[in-house]
């Protein structure tokens, strides 16, 4: 599984593969073998390079926080392929005079609708927060426009491809 980890302003490439009963994790050019055991929901016991550590994952915040005995670290993990695709679509931009339909990139639950009908949305503005696989995903518009319709509400369950928000060009 190829991921992108964001901690503050730093971004790292992360590759995770199963290796028997352990996980081989490569972070940029560094590789570690991790033995992980779930202690209880949100708490993991890790053995990394012979060092034992207890880690709590607080997913109630965005981005989720990792708590260790040393520090609290906000970390956002994203699917690398999906992140590259979103960046390409965003750079493709253009679209002056065209509207936009924001769709759910993955099945999940709508945590919060931040948009309101008639609102003028800037390119890149977060309009919906969607929770999927215990991670909050910010759904952003790729171009500026006026929110024409909101097709979901807080707490709704949606399938992949479900229409969330429609934008029309600014007049």
N, C-alpha and C. Protein backbone atom coordinates (compact mmCIF):
# COMPACT_ATOMS: atom_id res chain seq x y z
N UNK A 1 0.85 -1.16 0.00
CA UNK A 1 0.00 0.00 0.00
C UNK A 1 0.90 1.23 0.00
N UNK A 2 0.72 2.11 -0.97
CA UNK A 2 1.50 3.33 -1.07
C UNK A 2 0.69 4.49 -0.52
N UNK A 3 1.30 5.21 0.44
CA UNK A 3 0.63 6.31 1.12
C UNK A 3 1.50 7.55 1.08
N UNK A 4 0.87 8.68 1.41
CA UNK A 4 1.59 9.92 1.65
C UNK A 4 1.23 10.33 3.06
N UNK A 5 2.25 10.56 3.90
CA UNK A 5 2.04 11.00 5.29
C UNK A 5 2.41 12.47 5.38
N UNK A 6 1.51 13.26 5.96
CA UNK A 6 1.77 14.68 6.16
C UNK A 6 1.78 14.97 7.65
N UNK A 7 2.91 15.51 8.11
CA UNK A 7 3.09 15.93 9.51
C UNK A 7 3.48 17.40 9.47
N UNK A 8 2.57 18.28 9.84
CA UNK A 8 2.86 19.71 9.74
C UNK A 8 3.08 20.07 8.29
N UNK A 9 4.25 20.67 8.00
CA UNK A 9 4.58 21.06 6.62
C UNK A 9 5.37 19.99 5.88
N UNK A 10 5.75 18.92 6.59
CA UNK A 10 6.56 17.87 5.98
C UNK A 10 5.69 16.78 5.37
N UNK A 11 6.10 16.28 4.22
CA UNK A 11 5.37 15.22 3.53
C UNK A 11 6.34 14.08 3.24
N UNK A 12 5.89 12.84 3.51
CA UNK A 12 6.74 11.67 3.36
C UNK A 12 6.03 10.61 2.51
N UNK A 13 6.80 9.88 1.70
CA UNK A 13 6.28 8.73 0.97
C UNK A 13 6.34 7.53 1.91
N UNK A 14 5.26 6.77 1.99
CA UNK A 14 5.20 5.61 2.88
C UNK A 14 4.71 4.42 2.08
N UNK A 15 5.45 3.31 2.17
CA UNK A 15 5.03 2.05 1.53
C UNK A 15 4.90 1.02 2.64
N UNK A 16 3.77 0.32 2.69
CA UNK A 16 3.50 -0.67 3.72
C UNK A 16 3.22 -2.01 3.04
N UNK A 17 3.98 -3.05 3.47
CA UNK A 17 3.75 -4.39 2.95
C UNK A 17 3.79 -5.39 4.10
N UNK A 18 2.96 -6.41 3.99
CA UNK A 18 2.95 -7.47 5.00
C UNK A 18 4.18 -8.34 4.79
N UNK A 19 4.81 -8.72 5.90
CA UNK A 19 5.99 -9.58 5.85
C UNK A 19 5.81 -10.64 6.93
N UNK A 20 5.07 -11.70 6.59
CA UNK A 20 4.73 -12.73 7.59
C UNK A 20 3.78 -12.14 8.61
N UNK A 21 4.18 -12.16 9.87
CA UNK A 21 3.34 -11.62 10.94
C UNK A 21 3.69 -10.17 11.24
N UNK A 22 4.64 -9.60 10.49
CA UNK A 22 5.09 -8.23 10.73
C UNK A 22 4.75 -7.35 9.52
N UNK A 23 5.04 -6.08 9.66
CA UNK A 23 4.82 -5.12 8.58
C UNK A 23 6.15 -4.49 8.22
N UNK A 24 6.44 -4.46 6.93
CA UNK A 24 7.64 -3.78 6.42
C UNK A 24 7.17 -2.39 5.98
N UNK A 25 7.74 -1.38 6.62
CA UNK A 25 7.31 0.00 6.35
C UNK A 25 8.51 0.79 5.85
N UNK A 26 8.35 1.38 4.67
CA UNK A 26 9.41 2.21 4.11
C UNK A 26 8.90 3.65 4.12
N UNK A 27 9.65 4.52 4.81
CA UNK A 27 9.32 5.94 4.88
C UNK A 27 10.44 6.68 4.16
N UNK A 28 10.13 7.23 3.00
CA UNK A 28 11.13 7.79 2.09
C UNK A 28 12.20 6.72 1.87
N UNK A 29 13.45 6.94 2.30
CA UNK A 29 14.52 5.97 2.04
C UNK A 29 14.79 5.04 3.22
N UNK A 30 14.06 5.18 4.32
CA UNK A 30 14.30 4.38 5.52
C UNK A 30 13.28 3.25 5.60
N UNK A 31 13.77 2.03 5.88
CA UNK A 31 12.87 0.89 6.00
C UNK A 31 12.96 0.31 7.41
N UNK A 32 11.79 -0.01 7.99
CA UNK A 32 11.74 -0.63 9.32
C UNK A 32 10.79 -1.81 9.27
N UNK A 33 11.04 -2.77 10.14
CA UNK A 33 10.16 -3.93 10.31
C UNK A 33 9.41 -3.71 11.62
N UNK A 34 8.09 -3.74 11.55
CA UNK A 34 7.25 -3.43 12.71
C UNK A 34 6.37 -4.61 13.05
N UNK A 35 6.39 -4.97 14.33
CA UNK A 35 5.47 -5.98 14.85
C UNK A 35 4.40 -5.20 15.59
N UNK A 36 3.15 -5.32 15.18
CA UNK A 36 2.07 -4.53 15.77
C UNK A 36 0.98 -5.44 16.31
N UNK A 37 0.51 -5.10 17.51
CA UNK A 37 -0.59 -5.84 18.12
C UNK A 37 -1.60 -4.83 18.66
N UNK A 38 -2.85 -5.02 18.29
CA UNK A 38 -3.90 -4.13 18.77
C UNK A 38 -4.22 -4.50 20.22
N UNK A 39 -4.09 -3.54 21.12
CA UNK A 39 -4.34 -3.75 22.55
C UNK A 39 -5.82 -3.57 22.83
N UNK A 40 -6.39 -2.50 22.27
CA UNK A 40 -7.82 -2.19 22.36
C UNK A 40 -8.12 -1.21 21.23
N UNK A 41 -9.37 -0.91 20.96
CA UNK A 41 -9.66 0.03 19.87
C UNK A 41 -8.89 1.35 20.06
N UNK A 42 -8.12 1.71 19.04
CA UNK A 42 -7.37 2.96 19.07
C UNK A 42 -6.01 2.87 19.75
N UNK A 43 -5.66 1.73 20.33
CA UNK A 43 -4.37 1.57 21.02
C UNK A 43 -3.62 0.39 20.45
N UNK A 44 -2.33 0.62 20.12
CA UNK A 44 -1.49 -0.40 19.52
C UNK A 44 -0.18 -0.54 20.29
N UNK A 45 0.29 -1.77 20.41
CA UNK A 45 1.60 -2.05 20.96
C UNK A 45 2.50 -2.34 19.76
N UNK A 46 3.58 -1.57 19.63
CA UNK A 46 4.48 -1.70 18.49
C UNK A 46 5.87 -2.12 18.95
N UNK A 47 6.51 -2.95 18.16
CA UNK A 47 7.90 -3.32 18.38
C UNK A 47 8.63 -2.89 17.10
N UNK A 48 9.46 -1.83 17.23
CA UNK A 48 10.15 -1.25 16.08
C UNK A 48 11.64 -1.28 16.36
N UNK A 49 12.37 -1.99 15.52
CA UNK A 49 13.83 -2.10 15.69
C UNK A 49 14.20 -2.47 17.12
N UNK A 50 13.47 -3.41 17.72
CA UNK A 50 13.76 -3.87 19.06
C UNK A 50 13.25 -2.98 20.18
N UNK A 51 12.64 -1.85 19.84
CA UNK A 51 12.10 -0.93 20.85
C UNK A 51 10.59 -1.10 20.92
N UNK A 52 10.09 -1.23 22.14
CA UNK A 52 8.66 -1.38 22.37
C UNK A 52 8.03 -0.02 22.63
N UNK A 53 6.85 0.19 22.09
CA UNK A 53 6.18 1.47 22.26
C UNK A 53 4.67 1.25 22.22
N UNK A 54 3.96 2.00 23.06
CA UNK A 54 2.50 1.98 23.08
C UNK A 54 2.02 3.24 22.38
N UNK A 55 1.10 3.09 21.44
CA UNK A 55 0.63 4.22 20.64
C UNK A 55 -0.88 4.28 20.69
N UNK A 56 -1.41 5.49 20.96
CA UNK A 56 -2.85 5.73 20.90
C UNK A 56 -3.13 6.57 19.67
N UNK A 57 -4.17 6.20 18.92
CA UNK A 57 -4.56 6.93 17.72
C UNK A 57 -5.89 7.62 18.01
N UNK A 58 -5.88 8.96 17.99
CA UNK A 58 -7.08 9.75 18.23
C UNK A 58 -7.63 10.21 16.89
N UNK A 59 -8.67 9.51 16.41
CA UNK A 59 -9.25 9.83 15.11
C UNK A 59 -10.39 10.83 15.20
N UNK A 60 -10.63 11.38 16.40
CA UNK A 60 -11.73 12.34 16.56
C UNK A 60 -11.33 13.72 16.03
N UNK A 61 -10.07 13.92 15.75
CA UNK A 61 -9.59 15.20 15.25
C UNK A 61 -9.15 15.03 13.80
N UNK A 62 -9.10 16.15 13.08
CA UNK A 62 -8.62 16.11 11.70
C UNK A 62 -7.42 17.03 11.60
N UNK A 63 -6.23 16.57 11.24
CA UNK A 63 -5.92 15.17 11.00
C UNK A 63 -5.83 14.39 12.30
N UNK A 64 -5.90 13.06 12.22
CA UNK A 64 -5.80 12.24 13.43
C UNK A 64 -4.49 12.51 14.17
N UNK A 65 -4.50 12.31 15.49
CA UNK A 65 -3.31 12.51 16.31
C UNK A 65 -2.77 11.17 16.78
N UNK A 66 -1.46 11.03 16.77
CA UNK A 66 -0.78 9.85 17.28
C UNK A 66 -0.17 10.24 18.63
N UNK A 67 -0.57 9.55 19.69
CA UNK A 67 -0.06 9.83 21.03
C UNK A 67 0.93 8.74 21.42
N UNK A 68 2.16 9.15 21.77
CA UNK A 68 3.14 8.23 22.33
C UNK A 68 3.55 8.80 23.69
N UNK A 69 4.41 8.10 24.40
CA UNK A 69 4.87 8.62 25.69
C UNK A 69 5.74 9.87 25.51
N UNK A 70 6.20 10.12 24.29
CA UNK A 70 7.08 11.25 24.04
C UNK A 70 6.37 12.48 23.49
N UNK A 71 5.33 12.29 22.70
CA UNK A 71 4.72 13.44 22.03
C UNK A 71 3.34 13.11 21.47
N UNK A 72 2.65 14.17 21.08
CA UNK A 72 1.39 14.05 20.33
C UNK A 72 1.68 14.60 18.95
N UNK A 73 1.46 13.78 17.92
CA UNK A 73 1.80 14.16 16.56
C UNK A 73 0.58 14.08 15.66
N UNK A 74 0.15 15.23 15.09
CA UNK A 74 -0.93 15.16 14.09
C UNK A 74 -0.35 14.59 12.79
N UNK A 75 -1.01 13.59 12.23
CA UNK A 75 -0.51 12.96 11.00
C UNK A 75 -1.69 12.63 10.09
N UNK A 76 -1.56 12.99 8.84
CA UNK A 76 -2.59 12.70 7.86
C UNK A 76 -2.02 11.67 6.89
N UNK A 77 -2.70 10.53 6.76
CA UNK A 77 -2.29 9.50 5.81
C UNK A 77 -3.27 9.49 4.65
N UNK A 78 -2.75 9.57 3.44
CA UNK A 78 -3.59 9.58 2.25
C UNK A 78 -3.08 8.54 1.25
N UNK A 79 -3.99 7.97 0.49
CA UNK A 79 -3.63 7.06 -0.58
C UNK A 79 -2.81 7.86 -1.60
N UNK A 80 -1.59 7.42 -1.88
CA UNK A 80 -0.68 8.16 -2.76
C UNK A 80 -1.25 8.33 -4.16
N UNK A 81 -1.84 7.27 -4.71
CA UNK A 81 -2.39 7.34 -6.07
C UNK A 81 -3.55 8.34 -6.13
N UNK A 82 -4.42 8.30 -5.11
CA UNK A 82 -5.56 9.22 -5.09
C UNK A 82 -5.09 10.66 -4.94
N UNK A 83 -4.05 10.88 -4.13
CA UNK A 83 -3.52 12.23 -3.93
C UNK A 83 -2.91 12.76 -5.24
N UNK A 84 -2.14 11.90 -5.96
CA UNK A 84 -1.56 12.32 -7.24
C UNK A 84 -2.65 12.66 -8.25
N UNK A 85 -3.70 11.83 -8.29
CA UNK A 85 -4.80 12.06 -9.22
C UNK A 85 -5.51 13.37 -8.91
N UNK A 86 -5.75 13.64 -7.63
CA UNK A 86 -6.40 14.89 -7.22
C UNK A 86 -5.55 16.09 -7.62
N UNK A 87 -4.23 15.98 -7.44
CA UNK A 87 -3.33 17.07 -7.82
C UNK A 87 -3.37 17.30 -9.33
N UNK A 88 -3.37 16.22 -10.11
CA UNK A 88 -3.43 16.34 -11.57
C UNK A 88 -4.74 17.00 -12.01
N UNK A 89 -5.83 16.57 -11.40
CA UNK A 89 -7.14 17.14 -11.75
C UNK A 89 -7.18 18.61 -11.38
N UNK A 90 -6.61 18.96 -10.25
CA UNK A 90 -6.60 20.34 -9.80
C UNK A 90 -5.76 21.21 -10.74
N UNK A 91 -4.58 20.68 -11.15
CA UNK A 91 -3.71 21.43 -12.06
C UNK A 91 -4.34 21.58 -13.44
N UNK A 92 -5.12 20.59 -13.85
CA UNK A 92 -5.77 20.65 -15.16
C UNK A 92 -6.67 21.87 -15.20
N UNK A 93 -7.26 22.18 -14.03
CA UNK A 93 -8.00 23.42 -13.82
C UNK A 93 -8.86 23.82 -14.99
N UNK A 94 -8.60 25.02 -15.48
CA UNK A 94 -9.41 25.54 -16.57
C UNK A 94 -10.85 25.60 -16.13
N UNK A 95 -11.73 25.28 -17.01
CA UNK A 95 -13.12 25.16 -16.67
C UNK A 95 -13.85 26.48 -16.50
N UNK A 96 -13.24 27.62 -16.87
CA UNK A 96 -13.98 28.86 -16.76
C UNK A 96 -15.26 28.72 -17.56
N UNK A 97 -16.35 29.13 -16.96
CA UNK A 97 -17.64 29.05 -17.64
C UNK A 97 -18.32 27.70 -17.47
N UNK A 98 -17.68 26.76 -16.77
CA UNK A 98 -18.29 25.45 -16.55
C UNK A 98 -18.58 25.28 -15.07
N UNK A 99 -19.58 24.50 -14.78
CA UNK A 99 -19.87 24.17 -13.40
C UNK A 99 -19.06 22.97 -12.96
N UNK A 100 -19.39 22.47 -11.80
CA UNK A 100 -18.67 21.32 -11.27
C UNK A 100 -19.62 20.53 -10.37
N UNK A 101 -19.51 19.23 -10.41
CA UNK A 101 -20.27 18.36 -9.52
C UNK A 101 -19.26 17.62 -8.66
N UNK A 102 -19.34 17.80 -7.35
CA UNK A 102 -18.46 17.09 -6.44
C UNK A 102 -19.13 15.77 -6.08
N UNK A 103 -18.39 14.68 -6.27
CA UNK A 103 -18.91 13.34 -5.98
C UNK A 103 -18.04 12.68 -4.92
N UNK A 104 -18.62 11.73 -4.21
CA UNK A 104 -17.89 11.00 -3.18
C UNK A 104 -16.82 10.13 -3.85
N UNK A 105 -15.53 10.30 -3.49
CA UNK A 105 -14.48 9.49 -4.09
C UNK A 105 -14.45 8.07 -3.53
N UNK A 106 -15.17 7.88 -2.40
CA UNK A 106 -15.19 6.59 -1.71
C UNK A 106 -16.48 6.53 -0.88
N UNK A 107 -16.98 5.34 -0.63
CA UNK A 107 -18.17 5.21 0.21
C UNK A 107 -17.83 5.64 1.63
N UNK A 108 -18.77 6.29 2.30
CA UNK A 108 -18.50 6.74 3.67
C UNK A 108 -19.70 7.46 4.26
N UNK A 109 -19.40 8.24 5.31
CA UNK A 109 -20.43 8.98 6.03
C UNK A 109 -20.08 10.46 5.99
N UNK A 110 -21.07 11.29 5.68
CA UNK A 110 -20.87 12.73 5.65
C UNK A 110 -20.75 13.22 7.10
N UNK A 111 -19.58 13.74 7.44
CA UNK A 111 -19.36 14.26 8.79
C UNK A 111 -19.93 15.67 8.89
N UNK A 112 -19.62 16.50 7.88
CA UNK A 112 -20.06 17.90 7.94
C UNK A 112 -20.15 18.47 6.53
N UNK A 113 -21.27 19.14 6.27
CA UNK A 113 -21.42 19.90 5.03
C UNK A 113 -21.06 21.34 5.38
N UNK A 114 -19.99 21.85 4.78
CA UNK A 114 -19.53 23.20 5.09
C UNK A 114 -20.11 24.25 4.13
N UNK A 115 -20.64 23.79 3.01
CA UNK A 115 -21.18 24.70 1.99
C UNK A 115 -22.63 25.05 2.29
N UNK A 116 -23.05 26.19 1.76
CA UNK A 116 -24.47 26.58 1.81
C UNK A 116 -24.89 26.98 0.40
N UNK A 117 -26.15 26.74 0.06
CA UNK A 117 -26.63 27.11 -1.27
C UNK A 117 -26.47 28.60 -1.48
N UNK A 118 -25.97 28.96 -2.68
CA UNK A 118 -25.78 30.36 -3.02
C UNK A 118 -24.40 30.89 -2.62
N UNK A 119 -23.67 30.13 -1.85
CA UNK A 119 -22.32 30.53 -1.41
C UNK A 119 -21.38 30.58 -2.61
N UNK A 120 -20.51 31.59 -2.63
CA UNK A 120 -19.47 31.64 -3.65
C UNK A 120 -18.28 30.88 -3.09
N UNK A 121 -17.89 29.82 -3.78
CA UNK A 121 -16.79 28.96 -3.32
C UNK A 121 -15.54 29.24 -4.16
N UNK A 122 -14.42 29.38 -3.48
CA UNK A 122 -13.14 29.58 -4.15
C UNK A 122 -12.57 28.23 -4.58
N UNK A 123 -11.76 28.23 -5.62
CA UNK A 123 -11.09 26.99 -6.05
C UNK A 123 -10.28 26.45 -4.88
N UNK A 124 -10.42 25.16 -4.61
CA UNK A 124 -9.69 24.53 -3.52
C UNK A 124 -10.38 24.61 -2.16
N UNK A 125 -11.53 25.24 -2.10
CA UNK A 125 -12.25 25.38 -0.82
C UNK A 125 -12.88 24.05 -0.42
N UNK A 126 -12.81 23.74 0.87
CA UNK A 126 -13.40 22.51 1.40
C UNK A 126 -14.91 22.74 1.52
N UNK A 127 -15.71 21.86 0.88
CA UNK A 127 -17.16 22.00 0.92
C UNK A 127 -17.83 20.90 1.74
N UNK A 128 -17.21 19.72 1.83
CA UNK A 128 -17.78 18.59 2.56
C UNK A 128 -16.65 17.82 3.24
N UNK A 129 -16.92 17.31 4.43
CA UNK A 129 -15.97 16.41 5.09
C UNK A 129 -16.64 15.04 5.13
N UNK A 130 -15.96 14.05 4.54
CA UNK A 130 -16.48 12.70 4.40
C UNK A 130 -15.58 11.74 5.17
N UNK A 131 -16.17 10.92 6.05
CA UNK A 131 -15.40 9.93 6.79
C UNK A 131 -15.50 8.60 6.07
N UNK A 132 -14.33 8.02 5.82
CA UNK A 132 -14.26 6.70 5.18
C UNK A 132 -13.08 5.96 5.78
N UNK A 133 -13.29 4.73 6.15
CA UNK A 133 -12.25 3.89 6.74
C UNK A 133 -11.59 4.60 7.93
N UNK A 134 -12.41 5.24 8.76
CA UNK A 134 -11.98 5.92 9.98
C UNK A 134 -11.05 7.10 9.72
N UNK A 135 -11.09 7.66 8.50
CA UNK A 135 -10.30 8.85 8.18
C UNK A 135 -11.22 9.90 7.60
N UNK A 136 -11.00 11.15 7.99
CA UNK A 136 -11.79 12.24 7.44
C UNK A 136 -11.14 12.75 6.16
N UNK A 137 -11.95 12.86 5.11
CA UNK A 137 -11.47 13.31 3.81
C UNK A 137 -12.12 14.65 3.49
N UNK A 138 -11.30 15.62 3.13
CA UNK A 138 -11.80 16.94 2.77
C UNK A 138 -12.16 16.92 1.28
N UNK A 139 -13.41 17.20 0.97
CA UNK A 139 -13.85 17.24 -0.43
C UNK A 139 -13.85 18.70 -0.86
N UNK A 140 -12.96 19.01 -1.81
CA UNK A 140 -12.75 20.40 -2.24
C UNK A 140 -13.20 20.59 -3.68
N UNK A 141 -13.61 21.81 -4.00
CA UNK A 141 -13.93 22.10 -5.40
C UNK A 141 -12.63 22.43 -6.12
N UNK A 142 -12.56 22.10 -7.39
CA UNK A 142 -11.33 22.34 -8.16
C UNK A 142 -11.35 23.70 -8.85
N UNK A 143 -12.53 24.30 -8.95
CA UNK A 143 -12.63 25.63 -9.56
C UNK A 143 -13.65 26.46 -8.78
N UNK A 144 -13.54 27.76 -8.91
CA UNK A 144 -14.47 28.65 -8.23
C UNK A 144 -15.86 28.55 -8.84
N UNK A 145 -16.87 28.82 -8.04
CA UNK A 145 -18.25 28.80 -8.53
C UNK A 145 -19.23 29.11 -7.41
N UNK A 146 -20.49 29.08 -7.77
CA UNK A 146 -21.57 29.33 -6.81
C UNK A 146 -22.22 27.98 -6.49
N UNK A 147 -22.41 27.70 -5.21
CA UNK A 147 -23.02 26.44 -4.81
C UNK A 147 -24.48 26.46 -5.28
N UNK A 148 -24.79 25.58 -6.24
CA UNK A 148 -26.13 25.52 -6.83
C UNK A 148 -27.04 24.58 -6.03
N UNK A 149 -26.49 23.44 -5.57
CA UNK A 149 -27.29 22.50 -4.79
C UNK A 149 -26.41 21.69 -3.87
N UNK A 150 -27.01 21.31 -2.74
CA UNK A 150 -26.35 20.43 -1.78
C UNK A 150 -27.22 19.19 -1.73
N UNK A 151 -26.62 18.04 -2.06
CA UNK A 151 -27.39 16.82 -2.21
C UNK A 151 -27.27 15.85 -1.03
N UNK A 152 -26.55 16.26 0.02
CA UNK A 152 -26.37 15.41 1.21
C UNK A 152 -26.52 16.27 2.46
N UNK A 153 -26.64 15.60 3.59
CA UNK A 153 -26.71 16.30 4.88
C UNK A 153 -25.76 15.62 5.85
N UNK A 154 -25.42 16.31 6.92
CA UNK A 154 -24.56 15.74 7.96
C UNK A 154 -25.14 14.39 8.40
N UNK A 155 -24.27 13.39 8.49
CA UNK A 155 -24.69 12.06 8.95
C UNK A 155 -25.14 11.11 7.87
N UNK A 156 -25.34 11.61 6.64
CA UNK A 156 -25.77 10.73 5.54
C UNK A 156 -24.68 9.72 5.19
N UNK A 157 -25.08 8.50 4.85
CA UNK A 157 -24.16 7.51 4.29
C UNK A 157 -24.24 7.63 2.78
N UNK A 158 -23.06 7.60 2.13
CA UNK A 158 -23.02 7.74 0.67
C UNK A 158 -22.17 6.63 0.06
N UNK A 159 -22.48 6.29 -1.17
CA UNK A 159 -21.72 5.30 -1.94
C UNK A 159 -20.70 6.04 -2.80
N UNK A 160 -19.71 5.33 -3.29
CA UNK A 160 -18.73 5.90 -4.20
C UNK A 160 -19.46 6.49 -5.41
N UNK A 161 -19.10 7.72 -5.77
CA UNK A 161 -19.71 8.37 -6.93
C UNK A 161 -20.98 9.14 -6.63
N UNK A 162 -21.46 9.09 -5.38
CA UNK A 162 -22.69 9.82 -5.03
C UNK A 162 -22.46 11.32 -5.15
N UNK A 163 -23.44 12.01 -5.69
CA UNK A 163 -23.37 13.46 -5.87
C UNK A 163 -23.47 14.12 -4.49
N UNK A 164 -22.52 15.00 -4.17
CA UNK A 164 -22.50 15.69 -2.89
C UNK A 164 -22.95 17.14 -3.03
N UNK A 165 -22.27 17.89 -3.92
CA UNK A 165 -22.53 19.32 -4.10
C UNK A 165 -22.38 19.65 -5.58
N UNK A 166 -23.25 20.54 -6.08
CA UNK A 166 -23.12 21.04 -7.45
C UNK A 166 -22.79 22.51 -7.41
N UNK A 167 -21.89 22.90 -8.30
CA UNK A 167 -21.52 24.32 -8.42
C UNK A 167 -21.87 24.79 -9.83
N UNK A 168 -22.22 26.03 -9.94
CA UNK A 168 -22.43 26.64 -11.25
C UNK A 168 -21.44 27.79 -11.39
N UNK A 169 -21.14 28.19 -12.61
CA UNK A 169 -20.17 29.29 -12.79
C UNK A 169 -20.69 30.57 -12.15
N UNK A 170 -19.74 31.40 -11.69
CA UNK A 170 -20.12 32.70 -11.17
C UNK A 170 -20.62 33.56 -12.34
N UNK A 171 -21.60 34.38 -12.06
CA UNK A 171 -22.16 35.22 -13.14
C UNK A 171 -21.54 36.59 -13.12
